[in-house]
């Protein structure tokens, strides 16, 4: 299997070969990877002067199973207190 940079959503953190091994052994948290991608996309949009509300709405269109508030919590790092 040939690895491309599109295959590794954590390419700026983890080399492709390591990502593949982690994925093969099911050592990656899918939700954590998804949240990282969402935060990275949000930051990119904000750097292009997209208003926060519009950026979150765009992310909601890409992830229709997530609510607006859930994405807001992901991008701003808001966590529930135990």
PDB file of N, CA and C in Angstrom:
ATOM      1  N   UNK A   1       0.844  -1.188   0.000  1.00  0.00           N
ATOM      2  CA  UNK A   1       0.000   0.000   0.000  1.00  0.00           C
ATOM      3  C   UNK A   1       0.883   1.243   0.000  1.00  0.00           C
ATOM      4  N   UNK A   2       0.652   2.118  -0.949  1.00  0.00           N
ATOM      5  CA  UNK A   2       1.420   3.354  -1.020  1.00  0.00           C
ATOM      6  C   UNK A   2       0.780   4.390  -0.107  1.00  0.00           C
ATOM      7  N   UNK A   3       1.598   5.059   0.655  1.00  0.00           N
ATOM      8  CA  UNK A   3       1.102   6.058   1.592  1.00  0.00           C
ATOM      9  C   UNK A   3       1.232   7.436   0.962  1.00  0.00           C
ATOM     10  N   UNK A   4       0.154   8.209   1.043  1.00  0.00           N
ATOM     11  CA  UNK A   4       0.199   9.583   0.560  1.00  0.00           C
ATOM     12  C   UNK A   4      -0.032  10.510   1.740  1.00  0.00           C
ATOM     13  N   UNK A   5       0.264  11.771   1.568  1.00  0.00           N
ATOM     14  CA  UNK A   5       0.066  12.726   2.655  1.00  0.00           C
ATOM     15  C   UNK A   5      -1.417  12.878   2.986  1.00  0.00           C
ATOM     16  N   UNK A   6      -2.321  12.572   2.025  1.00  0.00           N
ATOM     17  CA  UNK A   6      -3.752  12.631   2.301  1.00  0.00           C
ATOM     18  C   UNK A   6      -4.167  11.510   3.249  1.00  0.00           C
ATOM     19  N   UNK A   7      -3.420  10.425   3.233  1.00  0.00           N
ATOM     20  CA  UNK A   7      -3.711   9.274   4.075  1.00  0.00           C
ATOM     21  C   UNK A   7      -3.483   9.605   5.544  1.00  0.00           C
ATOM     22  N   UNK A   8      -2.499  10.431   5.831  1.00  0.00           N
ATOM     23  CA  UNK A   8      -2.099  10.737   7.195  1.00  0.00           C
ATOM     24  C   UNK A   8      -2.594  12.125   7.592  1.00  0.00           C
ATOM     25  N   UNK A   9      -3.705  12.198   8.339  1.00  0.00           N
ATOM     26  CA  UNK A   9      -4.211  13.504   8.751  1.00  0.00           C
ATOM     27  C   UNK A   9      -3.334  14.177   9.804  1.00  0.00           C
ATOM     28  N   UNK A  10      -2.386  13.430  10.356  1.00  0.00           N
ATOM     29  CA  UNK A  10      -1.480  13.980  11.365  1.00  0.00           C
ATOM     30  C   UNK A  10      -0.088  14.200  10.792  1.00  0.00           C
ATOM     31  N   UNK A  11      -0.011  14.400   9.486  1.00  0.00           N
ATOM     32  CA  UNK A  11       1.263  14.507   8.788  1.00  0.00           C
ATOM     33  C   UNK A  11       2.207  15.552   9.343  1.00  0.00           C
ATOM     34  N   UNK A  12       1.664  16.619   9.931  1.00  0.00           N
ATOM     35  CA  UNK A  12       2.536  17.640  10.495  1.00  0.00           C
ATOM     36  C   UNK A  12       3.055  17.261  11.881  1.00  0.00           C
ATOM     37  N   UNK A  13       2.548  16.150  12.436  1.00  0.00           N
ATOM     38  CA  UNK A  13       2.978  15.689  13.760  1.00  0.00           C
ATOM     39  C   UNK A  13       3.692  14.346  13.734  1.00  0.00           C
ATOM     40  N   UNK A  14       3.212  13.439  12.871  1.00  0.00           N
ATOM     41  CA  UNK A  14       3.688  12.057  12.858  1.00  0.00           C
ATOM     42  C   UNK A  14       4.045  11.658  11.424  1.00  0.00           C
ATOM     43  N   UNK A  15       5.219  11.061  11.219  1.00  0.00           N
ATOM     44  CA  UNK A  15       5.566  10.588   9.870  1.00  0.00           C
ATOM     45  C   UNK A  15       4.560   9.541   9.375  1.00  0.00           C
ATOM     46  N   UNK A  16       4.399   9.457   8.058  1.00  0.00           N
ATOM     47  CA  UNK A  16       3.427   8.547   7.450  1.00  0.00           C
ATOM     48  C   UNK A  16       3.624   7.101   7.886  1.00  0.00           C
ATOM     49  N   UNK A  17       4.873   6.655   7.948  1.00  0.00           N
ATOM     50  CA  UNK A  17       5.152   5.259   8.303  1.00  0.00           C
ATOM     51  C   UNK A  17       4.681   4.949   9.726  1.00  0.00           C
ATOM     52  N   UNK A  18       4.926   5.871  10.644  1.00  0.00           N
ATOM     53  CA  UNK A  18       4.503   5.662  12.037  1.00  0.00           C
ATOM     54  C   UNK A  18       2.985   5.702  12.134  1.00  0.00           C
ATOM     55  N   UNK A  19       2.360   6.639  11.413  1.00  0.00           N
ATOM     56  CA  UNK A  19       0.901   6.719  11.417  1.00  0.00           C
ATOM     57  C   UNK A  19       0.294   5.401  10.944  1.00  0.00           C
ATOM     58  N   UNK A  20       0.858   4.837   9.878  1.00  0.00           N
ATOM     59  CA  UNK A  20       0.336   3.583   9.333  1.00  0.00           C
ATOM     60  C   UNK A  20       0.445   2.461  10.367  1.00  0.00           C
ATOM     61  N   UNK A  21       1.572   2.367  11.058  1.00  0.00           N
ATOM     62  CA  UNK A  21       1.756   1.325  12.074  1.00  0.00           C
ATOM     63  C   UNK A  21       0.758   1.524  13.213  1.00  0.00           C
ATOM     64  N   UNK A  22       0.602   2.755  13.673  1.00  0.00           N
ATOM     65  CA  UNK A  22      -0.353   3.034  14.747  1.00  0.00           C
ATOM     66  C   UNK A  22      -1.771   2.659  14.328  1.00  0.00           C
ATOM     67  N   UNK A  23      -2.128   2.975  13.097  1.00  0.00           N
ATOM     68  CA  UNK A  23      -3.468   2.649  12.606  1.00  0.00           C
ATOM     69  C   UNK A  23      -3.661   1.141  12.465  1.00  0.00           C
ATOM     70  N   UNK A  24      -2.651   0.455  11.949  1.00  0.00           N
ATOM     71  CA  UNK A  24      -2.746  -0.999  11.780  1.00  0.00           C
ATOM     72  C   UNK A  24      -2.969  -1.708  13.111  1.00  0.00           C
ATOM     73  N   UNK A  25      -2.372  -1.182  14.169  1.00  0.00           N
ATOM     74  CA  UNK A  25      -2.497  -1.798  15.491  1.00  0.00           C
ATOM     75  C   UNK A  25      -3.624  -1.174  16.315  1.00  0.00           C
ATOM     76  N   UNK A  26      -4.428  -0.359  15.649  1.00  0.00           N
ATOM     77  CA  UNK A  26      -5.586   0.294  16.276  1.00  0.00           C
ATOM     78  C   UNK A  26      -5.193   1.054  17.546  1.00  0.00           C
ATOM     79  N   UNK A  27      -4.111   1.809  17.441  1.00  0.00           N
ATOM     80  CA  UNK A  27      -3.607   2.579  18.572  1.00  0.00           C
ATOM     81  C   UNK A  27      -3.967   4.061  18.481  1.00  0.00           C
ATOM     82  N   UNK A  28      -4.779   4.407  17.486  1.00  0.00           N
ATOM     83  CA  UNK A  28      -5.191   5.796  17.319  1.00  0.00           C
ATOM     84  C   UNK A  28      -6.619   5.979  17.807  1.00  0.00           C
ATOM     85  N   UNK A  29      -6.867   7.088  18.459  1.00  0.00           N
ATOM     86  CA  UNK A  29      -8.203   7.447  18.901  1.00  0.00           C
ATOM     87  C   UNK A  29      -8.862   8.213  17.751  1.00  0.00           C
ATOM     88  N   UNK A  30      -9.840   7.595  17.099  1.00  0.00           N
ATOM     89  CA  UNK A  30     -10.478   8.203  15.925  1.00  0.00           C
ATOM     90  C   UNK A  30     -11.091   9.565  16.243  1.00  0.00           C
ATOM     91  N   UNK A  31     -11.711   9.671  17.415  1.00  0.00           N
ATOM     92  CA  UNK A  31     -12.320  10.941  17.810  1.00  0.00           C
ATOM     93  C   UNK A  31     -11.241  12.010  17.997  1.00  0.00           C
ATOM     94  N   UNK A  32     -10.136  11.640  18.590  1.00  0.00           N
ATOM     95  CA  UNK A  32      -9.037  12.583  18.780  1.00  0.00           C
ATOM     96  C   UNK A  32      -8.464  13.062  17.459  1.00  0.00           C
ATOM     97  N   UNK A  33      -8.314  12.144  16.504  1.00  0.00           N
ATOM     98  CA  UNK A  33      -7.812  12.512  15.173  1.00  0.00           C
ATOM     99  C   UNK A  33      -8.817  13.431  14.485  1.00  0.00           C
ATOM    100  N   UNK A  34     -10.100  13.096  14.576  1.00  0.00           N
ATOM    101  CA  UNK A  34     -11.153  13.942  13.980  1.00  0.00           C
ATOM    102  C   UNK A  34     -11.115  15.351  14.586  1.00  0.00           C
ATOM    103  N   UNK A  35     -11.021  15.425  15.907  1.00  0.00           N
ATOM    104  CA  UNK A  35     -11.002  16.723  16.578  1.00  0.00           C
ATOM    105  C   UNK A  35      -9.776  17.536  16.180  1.00  0.00           C
ATOM    106  N   UNK A  36      -8.645  16.867  16.042  1.00  0.00           N
ATOM    107  CA  UNK A  36      -7.422  17.555  15.618  1.00  0.00           C
ATOM    108  C   UNK A  36      -7.610  18.147  14.224  1.00  0.00           C
ATOM    109  N   UNK A  37      -8.204  17.368  13.311  1.00  0.00           N
ATOM    110  CA  UNK A  37      -8.445  17.851  11.951  1.00  0.00           C
ATOM    111  C   UNK A  37      -9.400  19.044  11.964  1.00  0.00           C
ATOM    112  N   UNK A  38     -10.430  18.980  12.800  1.00  0.00           N
ATOM    113  CA  UNK A  38     -11.390  20.079  12.904  1.00  0.00           C
ATOM    114  C   UNK A  38     -10.691  21.335  13.414  1.00  0.00           C
ATOM    115  N   UNK A  39      -9.872  21.196  14.459  1.00  0.00           N
ATOM    116  CA  UNK A  39      -9.154  22.363  14.991  1.00  0.00           C
ATOM    117  C   UNK A  39      -8.215  22.966  13.945  1.00  0.00           C
ATOM    118  N   UNK A  40      -7.537  22.110  13.194  1.00  0.00           N
ATOM    119  CA  UNK A  40      -6.610  22.577  12.161  1.00  0.00           C
ATOM    120  C   UNK A  40      -7.374  23.310  11.047  1.00  0.00           C
ATOM    121  N   UNK A  41      -8.516  22.754  10.616  1.00  0.00           N
ATOM    122  CA  UNK A  41      -9.321  23.408   9.576  1.00  0.00           C
ATOM    123  C   UNK A  41      -9.843  24.755  10.067  1.00  0.00           C
ATOM    124  N   UNK A  42     -10.295  24.794  11.325  1.00  0.00           N
ATOM    125  CA  UNK A  42     -10.815  26.032  11.898  1.00  0.00           C
ATOM    126  C   UNK A  42      -9.725  27.099  11.916  1.00  0.00           C
ATOM    127  N   UNK A  43      -8.542  26.723  12.359  1.00  0.00           N
ATOM    128  CA  UNK A  43      -7.429  27.673  12.425  1.00  0.00           C
ATOM    129  C   UNK A  43      -7.085  28.198  11.028  1.00  0.00           C
ATOM    130  N   UNK A  44      -7.081  27.314  10.038  1.00  0.00           N
ATOM    131  CA  UNK A  44      -6.796  27.724   8.661  1.00  0.00           C
ATOM    132  C   UNK A  44      -7.831  28.729   8.171  1.00  0.00           C
ATOM    133  N   UNK A  45      -9.104  28.450   8.434  1.00  0.00           N
ATOM    134  CA  UNK A  45     -10.161  29.367   7.998  1.00  0.00           C
ATOM    135  C   UNK A  45     -10.049  30.716   8.703  1.00  0.00           C
ATOM    136  N   UNK A  46      -9.767  30.692   9.999  1.00  0.00           N
ATOM    137  CA  UNK A  46      -9.646  31.941  10.752  1.00  0.00           C
ATOM    138  C   UNK A  46      -8.456  32.760  10.264  1.00  0.00           C
ATOM    139  N   UNK A  47      -7.375  32.083   9.875  1.00  0.00           N
ATOM    140  CA  UNK A  47      -6.207  32.788   9.332  1.00  0.00           C
ATOM    141  C   UNK A  47      -6.519  33.453   7.998  1.00  0.00           C
ATOM    142  N   UNK A  48      -7.565  32.963   7.328  1.00  0.00           N
ATOM    143  CA  UNK A  48      -8.011  33.564   6.059  1.00  0.00           C
ATOM    144  C   UNK A  48      -9.128  34.580   6.307  1.00  0.00           C
ATOM    145  N   UNK A  49      -9.262  35.017   7.557  1.00  0.00           N
ATOM    146  CA  UNK A  49     -10.244  36.029   7.969  1.00  0.00           C
ATOM    147  C   UNK A  49     -11.692  35.598   7.802  1.00  0.00           C
ATOM    148  N   UNK A  50     -11.950  34.298   7.841  1.00  0.00           N
ATOM    149  CA  UNK A  50     -13.331  33.812   7.845  1.00  0.00           C
ATOM    150  C   UNK A  50     -13.860  34.020   9.266  1.00  0.00           C
ATOM    151  N   UNK A  51     -15.029  34.653   9.421  1.00  0.00           N
ATOM    152  CA  UNK A  51     -15.588  34.834  10.763  1.00  0.00           C
ATOM    153  C   UNK A  51     -15.786  33.481  11.465  1.00  0.00           C
ATOM    154  N   UNK A  52     -15.618  33.482  12.782  1.00  0.00           N
ATOM    155  CA  UNK A  52     -15.688  32.243  13.559  1.00  0.00           C
ATOM    156  C   UNK A  52     -17.010  31.512  13.328  1.00  0.00           C
ATOM    157  N   UNK A  53     -18.117  32.253  13.336  1.00  0.00           N
ATOM    158  CA  UNK A  53     -19.424  31.623  13.145  1.00  0.00           C
ATOM    159  C   UNK A  53     -19.489  30.901  11.803  1.00  0.00           C
ATOM    160  N   UNK A  54     -19.019  31.558  10.740  1.00  0.00           N
ATOM    161  CA  UNK A  54     -19.048  30.946   9.408  1.00  0.00           C
ATOM    162  C   UNK A  54     -18.121  29.736   9.329  1.00  0.00           C
ATOM    163  N   UNK A  55     -16.972  29.826   9.982  1.00  0.00           N
ATOM    164  CA  UNK A  55     -16.033  28.699   9.990  1.00  0.00           C
ATOM    165  C   UNK A  55     -16.662  27.490  10.680  1.00  0.00           C
ATOM    166  N   UNK A  56     -17.328  27.731  11.798  1.00  0.00           N
ATOM    167  CA  UNK A  56     -17.977  26.631  12.519  1.00  0.00           C
ATOM    168  C   UNK A  56     -19.113  26.053  11.686  1.00  0.00           C
ATOM    169  N   UNK A  57     -19.883  26.905  11.018  1.00  0.00           N
ATOM    170  CA  UNK A  57     -20.965  26.418  10.154  1.00  0.00           C
ATOM    171  C   UNK A  57     -20.411  25.569   9.010  1.00  0.00           C
ATOM    172  N   UNK A  58     -19.301  25.993   8.418  1.00  0.00           N
ATOM    173  CA  UNK A  58     -18.668  25.214   7.344  1.00  0.00           C
ATOM    174  C   UNK A  58     -18.237  23.846   7.878  1.00  0.00           C
ATOM    175  N   UNK A  59     -17.663  23.817   9.062  1.00  0.00           N
ATOM    176  CA  UNK A  59     -17.252  22.544   9.670  1.00  0.00           C
ATOM    177  C   UNK A  59     -18.471  21.676   9.977  1.00  0.00           C
ATOM    178  N   UNK A  60     -19.572  22.315  10.364  1.00  0.00           N
ATOM    179  CA  UNK A  60     -20.808  21.564  10.630  1.00  0.00           C
ATOM    180  C   UNK A  60     -21.335  20.910   9.363  1.00  0.00           C
ATOM    181  N   UNK A  61     -21.188  21.580   8.234  1.00  0.00           N
ATOM    182  CA  UNK A  61     -21.603  20.986   6.958  1.00  0.00           C
ATOM    183  C   UNK A  61     -20.740  19.774   6.621  1.00  0.00           C
ATOM    184  N   UNK A  62     -19.471  19.827   6.975  1.00  0.00           N
ATOM    185  CA  UNK A  62     -18.562  18.713   6.719  1.00  0.00           C
ATOM    186  C   UNK A  62     -18.782  17.561   7.700  1.00  0.00           C
ATOM    187  N   UNK A  63     -19.305  17.882   8.878  1.00  0.00           N
ATOM    188  CA  UNK A  63     -19.545  16.880   9.925  1.00  0.00           C
ATOM    189  C   UNK A  63     -20.987  17.044  10.416  1.00  0.00           C
ATOM    190  N   UNK A  64     -21.978  16.647   9.607  1.00  0.00           N
ATOM    191  CA  UNK A  64     -23.381  16.913   9.945  1.00  0.00           C
ATOM    192  C   UNK A  64     -23.868  16.205  11.211  1.00  0.00           C
ATOM    193  N   UNK A  65     -23.144  15.221  11.672  1.00  0.00           N
ATOM    194  CA  UNK A  65     -23.532  14.502  12.887  1.00  0.00           C
ATOM    195  C   UNK A  65     -23.117  15.258  14.151  1.00  0.00           C
ATOM    196  N   UNK A  66     -22.374  16.366  13.999  1.00  0.00           N
ATOM    197  CA  UNK A  66     -21.956  17.172  15.146  1.00  0.00           C
ATOM    198  C   UNK A  66     -22.789  18.445  15.221  1.00  0.00           C
ATOM    199  N   UNK A  67     -23.146  18.836  16.428  1.00  0.00           N
ATOM    200  CA  UNK A  67     -23.900  20.062  16.621  1.00  0.00           C
ATOM    201  C   UNK A  67     -22.952  21.258  16.643  1.00  0.00           C
ATOM    202  N   UNK A  68     -23.510  22.432  16.407  1.00  0.00           N
ATOM    203  CA  UNK A  68     -22.726  23.667  16.404  1.00  0.00           C
ATOM    204  C   UNK A  68     -21.935  23.799  17.701  1.00  0.00           C
ATOM    205  N   UNK A  69     -22.605  23.590  18.823  1.00  0.00           N
ATOM    206  CA  UNK A  69     -21.959  23.753  20.128  1.00  0.00           C
ATOM    207  C   UNK A  69     -20.830  22.743  20.333  1.00  0.00           C
ATOM    208  N   UNK A  70     -20.993  21.547  19.801  1.00  0.00           N
ATOM    209  CA  UNK A  70     -19.950  20.528  19.913  1.00  0.00           C
ATOM    210  C   UNK A  70     -18.700  20.974  19.164  1.00  0.00           C
ATOM    211  N   UNK A  71     -18.873  21.493  17.969  1.00  0.00           N
ATOM    212  CA  UNK A  71     -17.724  21.972  17.195  1.00  0.00           C
ATOM    213  C   UNK A  71     -17.086  23.169  17.892  1.00  0.00           C
ATOM    214  N   UNK A  72     -17.906  24.036  18.434  1.00  0.00           N
ATOM    215  CA  UNK A  72     -17.379  25.194  19.173  1.00  0.00           C
ATOM    216  C   UNK A  72     -16.509  24.729  20.338  1.00  0.00           C
ATOM    217  N   UNK A  73     -16.965  23.712  21.053  1.00  0.00           N
ATOM    218  CA  UNK A  73     -16.182  23.178  22.173  1.00  0.00           C
ATOM    219  C   UNK A  73     -14.879  22.547  21.690  1.00  0.00           C
ATOM    220  N   UNK A  74     -14.922  21.889  20.539  1.00  0.00           N
ATOM    221  CA  UNK A  74     -13.709  21.270  19.984  1.00  0.00           C
ATOM    222  C   UNK A  74     -12.696  22.348  19.617  1.00  0.00           C
ATOM    223  N   UNK A  75     -13.127  23.370  18.884  1.00  0.00           N
ATOM    224  CA  UNK A  75     -12.170  24.361  18.381  1.00  0.00           C
ATOM    225  C   UNK A  75     -11.650  25.289  19.468  1.00  0.00           C
ATOM    226  N   UNK A  76     -12.438  25.518  20.498  1.00  0.00           N
ATOM    227  CA  UNK A  76     -11.981  26.399  21.576  1.00  0.00           C
ATOM    228  C   UNK A  76     -11.451  25.623  22.779  1.00  0.00           C
ATOM    229  N   UNK A  77     -11.432  24.297  22.688  1.00  0.00           N
ATOM    230  CA  UNK A  77     -10.864  23.483  23.759  1.00  0.00           C
ATOM    231  C   UNK A  77     -11.674  23.484  25.034  1.00  0.00           C
ATOM    232  N   UNK A  78     -12.973  23.690  24.921  1.00  0.00           N
ATOM    233  CA  UNK A  78     -13.830  23.690  26.105  1.00  0.00           C
ATOM    234  C   UNK A  78     -14.154  22.257  26.494  1.00  0.00           C
ATOM    235  N   UNK A  79     -13.960  21.946  27.737  1.00  0.00           N
ATOM    236  CA  UNK A  79     -14.204  20.585  28.220  1.00  0.00           C
ATOM    237  C   UNK A  79     -15.185  20.627  29.387  1.00  0.00           C
ATOM    238  N   UNK A  80     -15.899  19.532  29.550  1.00  0.00           N
ATOM    239  CA  UNK A  80     -16.786  19.408  30.714  1.00  0.00           C
ATOM    240  C   UNK A  80     -15.944  19.181  31.953  1.00  0.00           C
ATOM    241  N   UNK A  81     -16.403  19.730  33.041  1.00  0.00           N
ATOM    242  CA  UNK A  81     -15.706  19.486  34.306  1.00  0.00           C
ATOM    243  C   UNK A  81     -16.282  18.237  34.939  1.00  0.00           C
ATOM    244  N   UNK A  82     -15.418  17.406  35.496  1.00  0.00           N
ATOM    245  CA  UNK A  82     -15.869  16.141  36.102  1.00  0.00           C
ATOM    246  C   UNK A  82     -16.418  16.372  37.480  1.00  0.00           C
TER     247      UNK A  82
END
